[in-house]
Amino acid sequence: MNITGFDISILEWIRNTLWNPVLDKIMVAITSLGYKGILWIAVAVIMLFFKRTRKTGLKLGVALILGLAIGNGIIKNVVARQRPYDYQAAHGVDIPLLIAKLKDFSFPSGHTLSCFEAAGVLMICERKRFGWAALVLAILISFSRLYLYVHYPTDVLAGIVLGLIFAVLGCLIIDAIWKLVQKKTADKKSA
């Protein structure tokens, strides 16, 4: 069995075991929270307004930009993996979708990517305050992508891994810039 066959077997298990009218509505609502990373962009912007969370907001913003540029801009288009419902249609299986068909490629999951960028940054910087809630939401949104048959499990797994990598990079980049700015400010004051 190839990786796509393995992925499809998991999606089919979810579809045959878990699909029901109540979860259908819940999963559509949950997945909408990850749409284009808007929730996480809003969180980053709001954090910029408060001195205590400003640095975290910058870290989150950088992580999201990295994910958009590298994950959605480069990797998604280089890999060019077809969506699971399109794969199934090409093999004579019609999957009834609960959301509109998507126009971009499948790998990695952009919803998962942005969610785990946010959860990663918030776990590193704001664990007790926001991190755990962001992590739970990231897991739910990621699962919704499988439930809705718009991503393969390996798309979601790649989104998790890349999201956490970009979260760490966002933190490292802003920490380095923050130190430089503080040093220059201190040098100006002492001169």
Protein backbone atom coordinates (compact mmCIF):
# COMPACT_ATOMS: atom_id res chain seq x y z
CA MET A 1 0.00 0.00 0.00
CA ASN A 2 1.39 3.42 -0.95
CA ILE A 3 1.15 6.52 1.25
CA THR A 4 -1.94 7.84 -0.53
CA GLY A 5 -3.66 4.48 -0.05
CA PHE A 6 -2.77 4.57 3.63
CA ASP A 7 -4.06 8.16 3.91
CA ILE A 8 -7.31 7.26 2.13
CA SER A 9 -7.85 4.28 4.45
CA ILE A 10 -7.74 6.63 7.45
CA LEU A 11 -10.10 9.11 5.80
CA GLU A 12 -12.49 6.31 4.89
CA TRP A 13 -12.43 5.03 8.47
CA ILE A 14 -13.33 8.54 9.70
CA ARG A 15 -16.07 8.85 7.07
CA ASN A 16 -17.56 5.40 7.77
CA THR A 17 -17.25 5.56 11.55
CA LEU A 18 -17.69 9.17 12.66
CA TRP A 19 -19.71 11.03 10.05
CA ASN A 20 -23.12 12.06 11.41
CA PRO A 21 -25.37 15.12 11.07
CA VAL A 22 -24.37 16.61 14.44
CA LEU A 23 -20.61 16.28 13.91
CA ASP A 24 -21.04 17.52 10.33
CA LYS A 25 -22.26 20.89 11.61
CA ILE A 26 -19.68 21.05 14.40
CA MET A 27 -16.77 20.27 12.06
CA VAL A 28 -17.86 22.86 9.49
CA ALA A 29 -18.01 25.47 12.27
CA ILE A 30 -14.64 24.44 13.72
CA THR A 31 -12.87 24.42 10.35
CA SER A 32 -14.17 27.92 9.60
CA LEU A 33 -12.12 29.20 12.57
CA GLY A 34 -8.95 28.36 10.64
CA TYR A 35 -9.97 30.08 7.41
CA LYS A 36 -6.93 31.84 5.87
CA GLY A 37 -5.36 32.16 9.33
CA ILE A 38 -7.60 35.17 10.01
CA LEU A 39 -8.17 34.22 13.65
CA TRP A 40 -4.43 33.96 14.31
CA ILE A 41 -3.67 37.17 12.41
CA ALA A 42 -6.26 38.92 14.58
CA VAL A 43 -4.70 37.44 17.74
CA ALA A 44 -1.23 38.65 16.66
CA VAL A 45 -2.52 42.15 15.90
CA ILE A 46 -4.42 42.39 19.20
CA MET A 47 -1.30 41.27 21.09
CA LEU A 48 0.66 44.13 19.51
CA PHE A 49 -1.52 46.67 21.35
CA PHE A 50 -0.42 45.50 24.80
CA LYS A 51 3.11 45.98 26.06
CA ARG A 52 3.11 42.65 27.94
CA THR A 53 2.17 40.63 24.82
CA ARG A 54 3.73 42.79 22.09
CA LYS A 55 6.80 40.60 21.65
CA THR A 56 4.62 37.48 21.44
CA GLY A 57 2.44 39.18 18.83
CA LEU A 58 5.52 39.90 16.74
CA LYS A 59 6.71 36.30 17.06
CA LEU A 60 3.30 35.04 15.98
CA GLY A 61 3.26 37.45 13.04
CA VAL A 62 6.68 36.29 11.83
CA ALA A 63 5.69 32.61 12.20
CA LEU A 64 2.52 33.22 10.17
CA ILE A 65 4.47 35.04 7.44
CA LEU A 66 6.97 32.16 7.24
CA GLY A 67 4.13 29.65 6.92
CA LEU A 68 2.37 31.69 4.26
CA ALA A 69 5.53 32.20 2.20
CA ILE A 70 7.15 28.78 2.57
CA GLY A 71 4.30 26.40 3.38
CA ASN A 72 1.47 27.80 1.28
CA GLY A 73 3.51 29.74 -1.26
CA ILE A 74 6.33 27.33 -2.08
CA ILE A 75 5.79 23.81 -0.71
CA LYS A 76 2.09 23.58 -1.61
CA ASN A 77 2.81 24.54 -5.23
CA VAL A 78 5.96 22.45 -5.62
CA VAL A 79 4.38 19.27 -4.23
CA ALA A 80 1.06 20.01 -6.02
CA ARG A 81 -0.79 17.17 -4.31
CA GLN A 82 -4.38 16.70 -5.39
CA ARG A 83 -7.11 16.89 -2.75
CA PRO A 84 -8.41 13.56 -1.41
CA TYR A 85 -11.91 14.09 -2.79
CA ASP A 86 -10.40 14.68 -6.26
CA TYR A 87 -8.23 11.57 -5.89
CA GLN A 88 -11.32 9.56 -4.97
CA ALA A 89 -13.32 11.04 -7.87
CA ALA A 90 -10.53 10.00 -10.26
CA HIS A 91 -10.95 6.46 -8.89
CA GLY A 92 -14.74 6.43 -9.31
CA VAL A 93 -15.68 7.31 -5.69
CA ASP A 94 -17.88 10.36 -5.18
CA ILE A 95 -17.32 11.92 -1.74
CA PRO A 96 -20.17 14.19 -0.62
CA LEU A 97 -18.51 17.37 0.67
CA LEU A 98 -19.85 19.54 3.47
CA ILE A 99 -17.87 22.59 2.34
CA ALA A 100 -17.06 24.02 -1.09
CA LYS A 101 -14.31 22.40 -3.14
CA LEU A 102 -10.98 24.10 -2.67
CA LYS A 103 -8.95 25.53 -5.56
CA ASP A 104 -5.44 25.06 -4.19
CA PHE A 105 -3.34 21.98 -3.56
CA SER A 106 -3.51 19.73 -0.53
CA PHE A 107 0.01 19.42 0.93
CA PRO A 108 0.58 20.77 3.57
CA SER A 109 -2.67 21.68 5.28
CA GLY A 110 -2.70 25.48 5.52
CA HIS A 111 -5.29 25.47 8.31
CA THR A 112 -3.11 23.11 10.35
CA LEU A 113 0.03 25.04 9.51
CA SER A 114 -1.28 28.38 10.80
CA CYS A 115 -2.93 26.77 13.83
CA PHE A 116 0.26 25.07 14.95
CA GLU A 117 2.34 28.17 14.27
CA ALA A 118 0.03 30.01 16.65
CA ALA A 119 -0.18 27.20 19.19
CA GLY A 120 3.61 26.78 19.11
CA VAL A 121 4.33 30.48 19.68
CA LEU A 122 1.67 30.77 22.36
CA MET A 123 2.89 27.61 24.15
CA ILE A 124 6.44 28.96 24.14
CA CYS A 125 5.53 32.49 25.26
CA GLU A 126 2.12 32.43 26.96
CA ARG A 127 1.60 28.83 28.06
CA LYS A 128 -0.75 29.37 30.98
CA ARG A 129 -2.64 32.26 29.53
CA PHE A 130 -3.26 31.31 25.89
CA GLY A 131 -1.07 28.37 24.89
CA TRP A 132 -3.19 25.46 26.04
CA ALA A 133 -6.39 26.90 24.54
CA ALA A 134 -4.60 27.51 21.22
CA LEU A 135 -3.25 23.95 21.24
CA VAL A 136 -6.70 22.42 21.80
CA LEU A 137 -8.17 24.60 19.05
CA ALA A 138 -5.30 23.68 16.69
CA ILE A 139 -5.96 19.98 17.25
CA LEU A 140 -9.71 20.40 16.65
CA ILE A 141 -9.25 22.46 13.48
CA SER A 142 -6.66 19.99 12.16
CA PHE A 143 -8.98 17.04 12.77
CA SER A 144 -11.82 18.92 11.06
CA ARG A 145 -9.74 18.98 7.86
CA LEU A 146 -9.63 15.17 7.89
CA TYR A 147 -13.29 14.84 8.86
CA LEU A 148 -14.31 17.12 5.98
CA TYR A 149 -12.20 15.04 3.55
CA VAL A 150 -10.24 18.05 2.29
CA HIS A 151 -6.80 16.89 3.51
CA TYR A 152 -4.90 13.65 3.87
CA PRO A 153 -3.49 12.73 7.30
CA THR A 154 0.03 13.30 5.96
CA ASP A 155 -1.00 16.85 4.91
CA VAL A 156 -2.07 17.51 8.48
CA LEU A 157 1.05 15.90 9.92
CA ALA A 158 3.23 18.07 7.67
CA GLY A 159 1.23 21.13 8.75
CA ILE A 160 1.87 20.29 12.40
CA VAL A 161 5.61 19.77 11.92
CA LEU A 162 6.10 22.83 9.72
CA GLY A 163 3.89 24.96 11.97
CA LEU A 164 5.98 24.10 15.02
CA ILE A 165 9.24 24.73 13.10
CA PHE A 166 8.00 28.15 11.96
CA ALA A 167 6.81 28.92 15.50
CA VAL A 168 10.30 28.28 16.86
CA LEU A 169 11.89 30.26 14.01
CA GLY A 170 9.49 33.16 14.61
CA CYS A 171 10.49 33.20 18.27
CA LEU A 172 14.22 33.02 17.49
CA ILE A 173 14.04 35.78 14.86
CA ILE A 174 12.13 38.21 17.07
CA ASP A 175 14.30 37.41 20.11
CA ALA A 176 17.42 38.24 18.05
CA ILE A 177 15.93 41.46 16.67
CA TRP A 178 14.62 42.43 20.14
CA LYS A 179 18.11 42.05 21.63
CA LEU A 180 19.65 44.17 18.86
CA VAL A 181 17.08 46.93 19.36
CA GLN A 182 17.58 46.89 23.14
CA LYS A 183 21.37 47.03 22.71
CA LYS A 184 21.15 49.97 20.30
CA THR A 185 18.73 51.76 22.65
CA ALA A 186 21.07 51.18 25.60
CA ASP A 187 24.06 52.37 23.55
CA LYS A 188 22.23 55.60 22.61
CA LYS A 189 21.32 56.27 26.24
CA SER A 190 24.90 55.74 27.46
CA ALA A 191 26.42 57.91 24.70
